[in-house]
Amino acid sequence: MITAVRTANIQDGKAQDATTWAVETAAYISQNLGVELQVMRNVGGPVFQLHWVSNHESLAAYEAAMAKMEADPGYQERLVAGRGQGLFAASSIVDSLYATVP
């Protein structure tokens, strides 16, 4: 099992807009692309940070899901809209992958 986590820091003054965009985008991905995605925030640690978390059967399944997202026009439109609003610090976005220990 592969767990994928994308983390981003919210720009100052954009917490509500960023959270709304993140939740709506996750719902779009789950409903239209078949990738179950959760949005999480920190209980401890950096306050203005969000995480998108998904689980995949294998690294190949993760790569296939990412390719599907990158090819989807609706997802691309959502990314452009989010960037246009300046919701997240671009240099803060980090993707992490974790493998389940058997």
C-alpha atoms as a PDB file:
ATOM      1  CA  MET A   1       0.000   0.000   0.000  1.00  0.00           C
ATOM      2  CA  ILE A   2       1.250   3.472  -0.906  1.00  0.00           C
ATOM      3  CA  THR A   3       0.039   6.545   0.960  1.00  0.00           C
ATOM      4  CA  ALA A   4       0.573   9.826  -0.888  1.00  0.00           C
ATOM      5  CA  VAL A   5       0.588  13.148   0.952  1.00  0.00           C
ATOM      6  CA  ARG A   6       0.779  16.554  -0.729  1.00  0.00           C
ATOM      7  CA  THR A   7       1.467  19.363   1.748  1.00  0.00           C
ATOM      8  CA  ALA A   8       1.149  23.100   1.106  1.00  0.00           C
ATOM      9  CA  ASN A   9       1.431  26.219   3.240  1.00  0.00           C
ATOM     10  CA  ILE A  10      -1.460  28.666   2.992  1.00  0.00           C
ATOM     11  CA  GLN A  11      -0.644  32.252   2.058  1.00  0.00           C
ATOM     12  CA  ASP A  12      -1.312  34.910   4.686  1.00  0.00           C
ATOM     13  CA  GLY A  13      -4.954  35.999   4.711  1.00  0.00           C
ATOM     14  CA  LYS A  14      -6.095  33.111   2.493  1.00  0.00           C
ATOM     15  CA  ALA A  15      -6.997  30.430   5.062  1.00  0.00           C
ATOM     16  CA  GLN A  16     -10.748  30.309   4.376  1.00  0.00           C
ATOM     17  CA  ASP A  17     -10.408  30.513   0.588  1.00  0.00           C
ATOM     18  CA  ALA A  18      -7.595  27.943   0.530  1.00  0.00           C
ATOM     19  CA  THR A  19      -9.500  25.491   2.713  1.00  0.00           C
ATOM     20  CA  THR A  20     -12.655  25.829   0.623  1.00  0.00           C
ATOM     21  CA  TRP A  21     -10.684  25.361  -2.611  1.00  0.00           C
ATOM     22  CA  ALA A  22      -8.844  22.340  -1.173  1.00  0.00           C
ATOM     23  CA  VAL A  23     -12.031  20.585  -0.054  1.00  0.00           C
ATOM     24  CA  GLU A  24     -13.863  21.324  -3.324  1.00  0.00           C
ATOM     25  CA  THR A  25     -10.892  20.159  -5.394  1.00  0.00           C
ATOM     26  CA  ALA A  26     -10.586  16.951  -3.370  1.00  0.00           C
ATOM     27  CA  ALA A  27     -14.304  16.294  -3.916  1.00  0.00           C
ATOM     28  CA  TYR A  28     -13.879  16.895  -7.659  1.00  0.00           C
ATOM     29  CA  ILE A  29     -11.004  14.411  -7.815  1.00  0.00           C
ATOM     30  CA  SER A  30     -12.863  11.800  -5.760  1.00  0.00           C
ATOM     31  CA  GLN A  31     -16.086  12.115  -7.768  1.00  0.00           C
ATOM     32  CA  ASN A  32     -14.635  12.465 -11.266  1.00  0.00           C
ATOM     33  CA  LEU A  33     -11.317  10.647 -11.210  1.00  0.00           C
ATOM     34  CA  GLY A  34     -11.931   7.823  -8.749  1.00  0.00           C
ATOM     35  CA  VAL A  35      -9.126   8.786  -6.360  1.00  0.00           C
ATOM     36  CA  GLU A  36     -10.348   8.945  -2.762  1.00  0.00           C
ATOM     37  CA  LEU A  37      -8.705  12.058  -1.391  1.00  0.00           C
ATOM     38  CA  GLN A  38      -8.913  13.531   2.101  1.00  0.00           C
ATOM     39  CA  VAL A  39      -7.945  17.059   3.108  1.00  0.00           C
ATOM     40  CA  MET A  40      -6.306  17.311   6.510  1.00  0.00           C
ATOM     41  CA  ARG A  41      -4.993  20.128   8.669  1.00  0.00           C
ATOM     42  CA  ASN A  42      -2.521  20.012  11.491  1.00  0.00           C
ATOM     43  CA  VAL A  43      -3.701  19.595  15.056  1.00  0.00           C
ATOM     44  CA  GLY A  44      -0.171  20.420  16.198  1.00  0.00           C
ATOM     45  CA  GLY A  45       2.645  22.040  14.260  1.00  0.00           C
ATOM     46  CA  PRO A  46       2.291  24.676  11.549  1.00  0.00           C
ATOM     47  CA  VAL A  47      -1.198  26.159  11.713  1.00  0.00           C
ATOM     48  CA  PHE A  48      -1.607  27.376   8.127  1.00  0.00           C
ATOM     49  CA  GLN A  49      -0.797  24.120   6.353  1.00  0.00           C
ATOM     50  CA  LEU A  50      -3.034  21.654   4.496  1.00  0.00           C
ATOM     51  CA  HIS A  51      -2.437  18.066   3.404  1.00  0.00           C
ATOM     52  CA  TRP A  52      -4.118  16.023   0.672  1.00  0.00           C
ATOM     53  CA  VAL A  53      -3.921  12.309   1.503  1.00  0.00           C
ATOM     54  CA  SER A  54      -4.704   9.318  -0.715  1.00  0.00           C
ATOM     55  CA  ASN A  55      -4.018   5.576  -0.578  1.00  0.00           C
ATOM     56  CA  HIS A  56      -3.082   3.395  -3.542  1.00  0.00           C
ATOM     57  CA  GLU A  57      -2.615  -0.353  -3.948  1.00  0.00           C
ATOM     58  CA  SER A  58       0.880   0.058  -5.426  1.00  0.00           C
ATOM     59  CA  LEU A  59       3.327   2.589  -6.776  1.00  0.00           C
ATOM     60  CA  ALA A  60       2.058   1.778 -10.277  1.00  0.00           C
ATOM     61  CA  ALA A  61      -1.522   2.555  -9.170  1.00  0.00           C
ATOM     62  CA  TYR A  62      -0.339   5.874  -7.699  1.00  0.00           C
ATOM     63  CA  GLU A  63       1.446   6.762 -10.944  1.00  0.00           C
ATOM     64  CA  ALA A  64      -1.657   5.876 -12.967  1.00  0.00           C
ATOM     65  CA  ALA A  65      -3.831   8.072 -10.715  1.00  0.00           C
ATOM     66  CA  MET A  66      -1.405  10.987 -11.072  1.00  0.00           C
ATOM     67  CA  ALA A  67      -1.352  10.606 -14.861  1.00  0.00           C
ATOM     68  CA  LYS A  68      -5.160  10.585 -14.922  1.00  0.00           C
ATOM     69  CA  MET A  69      -5.284  13.770 -12.829  1.00  0.00           C
ATOM     70  CA  GLU A  70      -2.682  15.558 -14.944  1.00  0.00           C
ATOM     71  CA  ALA A  71      -4.626  14.716 -18.125  1.00  0.00           C
ATOM     72  CA  ASP A  72      -7.998  15.854 -16.767  1.00  0.00           C
ATOM     73  CA  PRO A  73      -9.074  19.305 -18.058  1.00  0.00           C
ATOM     74  CA  GLY A  74     -11.350  19.958 -15.077  1.00  0.00           C
ATOM     75  CA  TYR A  75      -8.548  19.318 -12.602  1.00  0.00           C
ATOM     76  CA  GLN A  76      -6.201  21.515 -14.621  1.00  0.00           C
ATOM     77  CA  GLU A  77      -8.786  24.328 -14.580  1.00  0.00           C
ATOM     78  CA  ARG A  78      -9.046  24.022 -10.790  1.00  0.00           C
ATOM     79  CA  LEU A  79      -5.252  24.254 -10.466  1.00  0.00           C
ATOM     80  CA  VAL A  80      -5.128  27.386 -12.626  1.00  0.00           C
ATOM     81  CA  ALA A  81      -7.921  28.965 -10.569  1.00  0.00           C
ATOM     82  CA  GLY A  82      -6.162  28.150  -7.297  1.00  0.00           C
ATOM     83  CA  ARG A  83      -2.871  29.561  -8.535  1.00  0.00           C
ATOM     84  CA  GLY A  84      -4.635  32.668  -9.792  1.00  0.00           C
ATOM     85  CA  GLN A  85      -6.037  33.290  -6.324  1.00  0.00           C
ATOM     86  CA  GLY A  86      -2.583  32.932  -4.744  1.00  0.00           C
ATOM     87  CA  LEU A  87      -3.855  30.483  -2.140  1.00  0.00           C
ATOM     88  CA  PHE A  88      -0.620  28.623  -1.397  1.00  0.00           C
ATOM     89  CA  ALA A  89       3.086  29.414  -1.232  1.00  0.00           C
ATOM     90  CA  ALA A  90       4.325  27.623  -4.363  1.00  0.00           C
ATOM     91  CA  SER A  91       7.748  26.892  -2.895  1.00  0.00           C
ATOM     92  CA  SER A  92       6.110  25.125   0.074  1.00  0.00           C
ATOM     93  CA  ILE A  93       4.341  22.367  -1.884  1.00  0.00           C
ATOM     94  CA  VAL A  94       5.855  18.965  -1.108  1.00  0.00           C
ATOM     95  CA  ASP A  95       4.797  15.472  -2.209  1.00  0.00           C
ATOM     96  CA  SER A  96       5.633  12.572   0.109  1.00  0.00           C
ATOM     97  CA  LEU A  97       5.071   8.870  -0.507  1.00  0.00           C
ATOM     98  CA  TYR A  98       4.911   6.220   2.215  1.00  0.00           C
ATOM     99  CA  ALA A  99       4.886   2.419   1.881  1.00  0.00           C
ATOM    100  CA  THR A 100       3.059   0.240   4.363  1.00  0.00           C
ATOM    101  CA  VAL A 101       5.417  -1.998   6.331  1.00  0.00           C
ATOM    102  CA  PRO A 102       4.368  -5.623   5.928  1.00  0.00           C
END
